[in-house]
Amino acid sequence: MEPQDGKGDTEGGCPVFLKDSLALGRPVLATPHCDIPDLLVHGYSGLLAEEGDEEALTAQYDFLLRCSPKQHAEFMKNACRSVHANAGSWFSATETLGVYKGLVEQENVIRTL
């Protein structure tokens, strides 16, 4: 978790690893920085703690560690649902890797000509 720069800057969107974690069914603990609240629904697909509030962060982390297997399974199911419901507007890691592979293959073809 990286701190804000103090200038109110919201540049940067949502970290890709959060999307990937949710897509893998992993509940996420984050702060409401930039676009994260647009992806992560507090109490549904993960938990949010205010930036700089160590007690809130600790409490949310403790909740994730101590929640029942049923609650954890719900978080996992909801995490997957939240990403897949919006998959049309995001590049997944697999899609991004495919783009890079395509570029490398094009470069290799060009070099052989």
Protein backbone atom coordinates (compact mmCIF):
# COMPACT_ATOMS: atom_id res chain seq x y z
CA MET A 1 0.00 0.00 0.00
CA GLU A 2 1.55 3.20 -1.17
CA PRO A 3 0.72 6.54 0.45
CA GLN A 4 -0.86 9.38 -1.45
CA ASP A 5 1.43 12.22 -2.42
CA GLY A 6 -0.50 14.71 -0.27
CA LYS A 7 -1.42 16.84 -3.28
CA GLY A 8 -4.77 15.17 -3.85
CA ASP A 9 -3.39 13.57 -6.99
CA THR A 10 -5.66 10.85 -8.34
CA GLU A 11 -3.49 9.97 -11.32
CA GLY A 12 -2.84 6.32 -11.88
CA GLY A 13 -6.21 4.62 -11.90
CA CYS A 14 -6.41 1.21 -10.29
CA PRO A 15 -3.38 -1.07 -9.89
CA VAL A 16 -3.48 -4.05 -12.24
CA PHE A 17 -2.56 -6.47 -9.45
CA LEU A 18 -5.85 -5.62 -7.71
CA LYS A 19 -7.81 -6.59 -10.81
CA ASP A 20 -5.77 -9.75 -11.20
CA SER A 21 -6.21 -10.66 -7.52
CA LEU A 22 -9.96 -10.20 -7.74
CA ALA A 23 -10.10 -12.19 -10.98
CA LEU A 24 -8.38 -15.06 -9.16
CA GLY A 25 -11.01 -14.90 -6.43
CA ARG A 26 -8.79 -13.31 -3.84
CA PRO A 27 -10.41 -10.82 -1.47
CA VAL A 28 -8.49 -7.56 -1.53
CA LEU A 29 -7.67 -5.11 1.25
CA ALA A 30 -6.87 -1.64 -0.06
CA THR A 31 -7.36 2.07 0.49
CA PRO A 32 -9.86 4.23 -1.41
CA HIS A 33 -7.07 5.74 -3.52
CA CYS A 34 -7.62 6.79 -7.15
CA ASP A 35 -10.01 4.43 -8.95
CA ILE A 36 -9.80 1.58 -6.44
CA PRO A 37 -13.33 2.17 -5.05
CA ASP A 38 -14.67 1.85 -8.61
CA LEU A 39 -13.39 -1.73 -8.67
CA LEU A 40 -13.41 -2.87 -5.07
CA VAL A 41 -16.76 -2.86 -3.29
CA HIS A 42 -16.20 -2.69 0.47
CA GLY A 43 -17.68 -5.71 2.20
CA TYR A 44 -18.53 -7.44 -1.09
CA SER A 45 -15.33 -8.20 -3.00
CA GLY A 46 -12.86 -6.97 -0.42
CA LEU A 47 -12.31 -4.36 2.22
CA LEU A 48 -11.28 -0.72 2.21
CA ALA A 49 -9.43 1.13 4.97
CA GLU A 50 -8.77 4.84 4.98
CA GLU A 51 -5.28 5.75 3.92
CA GLY A 52 -2.97 6.39 6.85
CA ASP A 53 -5.37 4.81 9.37
CA GLU A 54 -3.25 1.96 10.69
CA GLU A 55 -5.90 0.85 13.20
CA ALA A 56 -8.57 0.56 10.50
CA LEU A 57 -6.17 -1.29 8.22
CA THR A 58 -5.24 -3.69 11.02
CA ALA A 59 -8.91 -4.26 11.89
CA GLN A 60 -9.82 -5.03 8.27
CA TYR A 61 -6.85 -7.36 7.88
CA ASP A 62 -7.76 -9.10 11.12
CA PHE A 63 -11.33 -9.51 9.86
CA LEU A 64 -10.11 -11.20 6.67
CA LEU A 65 -7.92 -13.55 8.68
CA ARG A 66 -10.64 -14.46 11.16
CA CYS A 67 -13.77 -14.54 9.00
CA SER A 68 -15.64 -17.82 8.74
CA PRO A 69 -15.01 -20.18 5.83
CA LYS A 70 -18.47 -19.28 4.55
CA GLN A 71 -17.68 -15.53 4.63
CA HIS A 72 -14.34 -16.15 2.94
CA ALA A 73 -16.01 -18.22 0.21
CA GLU A 74 -18.49 -15.37 -0.37
CA PHE A 75 -15.65 -12.85 -0.69
CA MET A 76 -13.92 -15.15 -3.19
CA LYS A 77 -17.06 -15.65 -5.26
CA ASN A 78 -17.87 -11.94 -5.21
CA ALA A 79 -14.30 -10.98 -6.09
CA CYS A 80 -14.49 -13.10 -9.26
CA ARG A 81 -17.94 -11.80 -10.10
CA SER A 82 -16.91 -8.16 -9.72
CA VAL A 83 -14.11 -8.47 -12.26
CA HIS A 84 -15.85 -10.74 -14.75
CA ALA A 85 -18.95 -8.53 -14.77
CA ASN A 86 -16.75 -5.67 -15.98
CA ALA A 87 -14.31 -7.71 -18.06
CA GLY A 88 -15.25 -5.96 -21.30
CA SER A 89 -13.69 -2.72 -20.12
CA TRP A 90 -10.44 -4.12 -18.72
CA PHE A 91 -7.43 -5.88 -20.13
CA SER A 92 -6.62 -8.99 -18.18
CA ALA A 93 -3.07 -10.16 -17.66
CA THR A 94 -3.62 -12.84 -20.29
CA GLU A 95 -4.83 -10.31 -22.84
CA THR A 96 -1.93 -7.99 -22.10
CA LEU A 97 0.54 -10.85 -22.46
CA GLY A 98 -1.10 -11.75 -25.78
CA VAL A 99 -0.57 -8.21 -27.05
CA TYR A 100 3.12 -8.33 -26.13
CA LYS A 101 3.58 -11.76 -27.70
CA GLY A 102 1.94 -10.50 -30.89
CA LEU A 103 4.31 -7.54 -31.02
CA VAL A 104 7.35 -9.75 -30.46
CA GLU A 105 6.20 -12.14 -33.20
CA GLN A 106 5.70 -9.23 -35.61
CA GLU A 107 9.18 -7.96 -34.79
CA ASN A 108 10.65 -11.42 -35.44
CA VAL A 109 8.86 -11.64 -38.82
CA ILE A 110 10.12 -8.20 -39.81
CA ARG A 111 13.70 -9.15 -38.87
CA THR A 112 13.59 -12.24 -41.11
CA LEU A 113 12.52 -10.23 -44.18
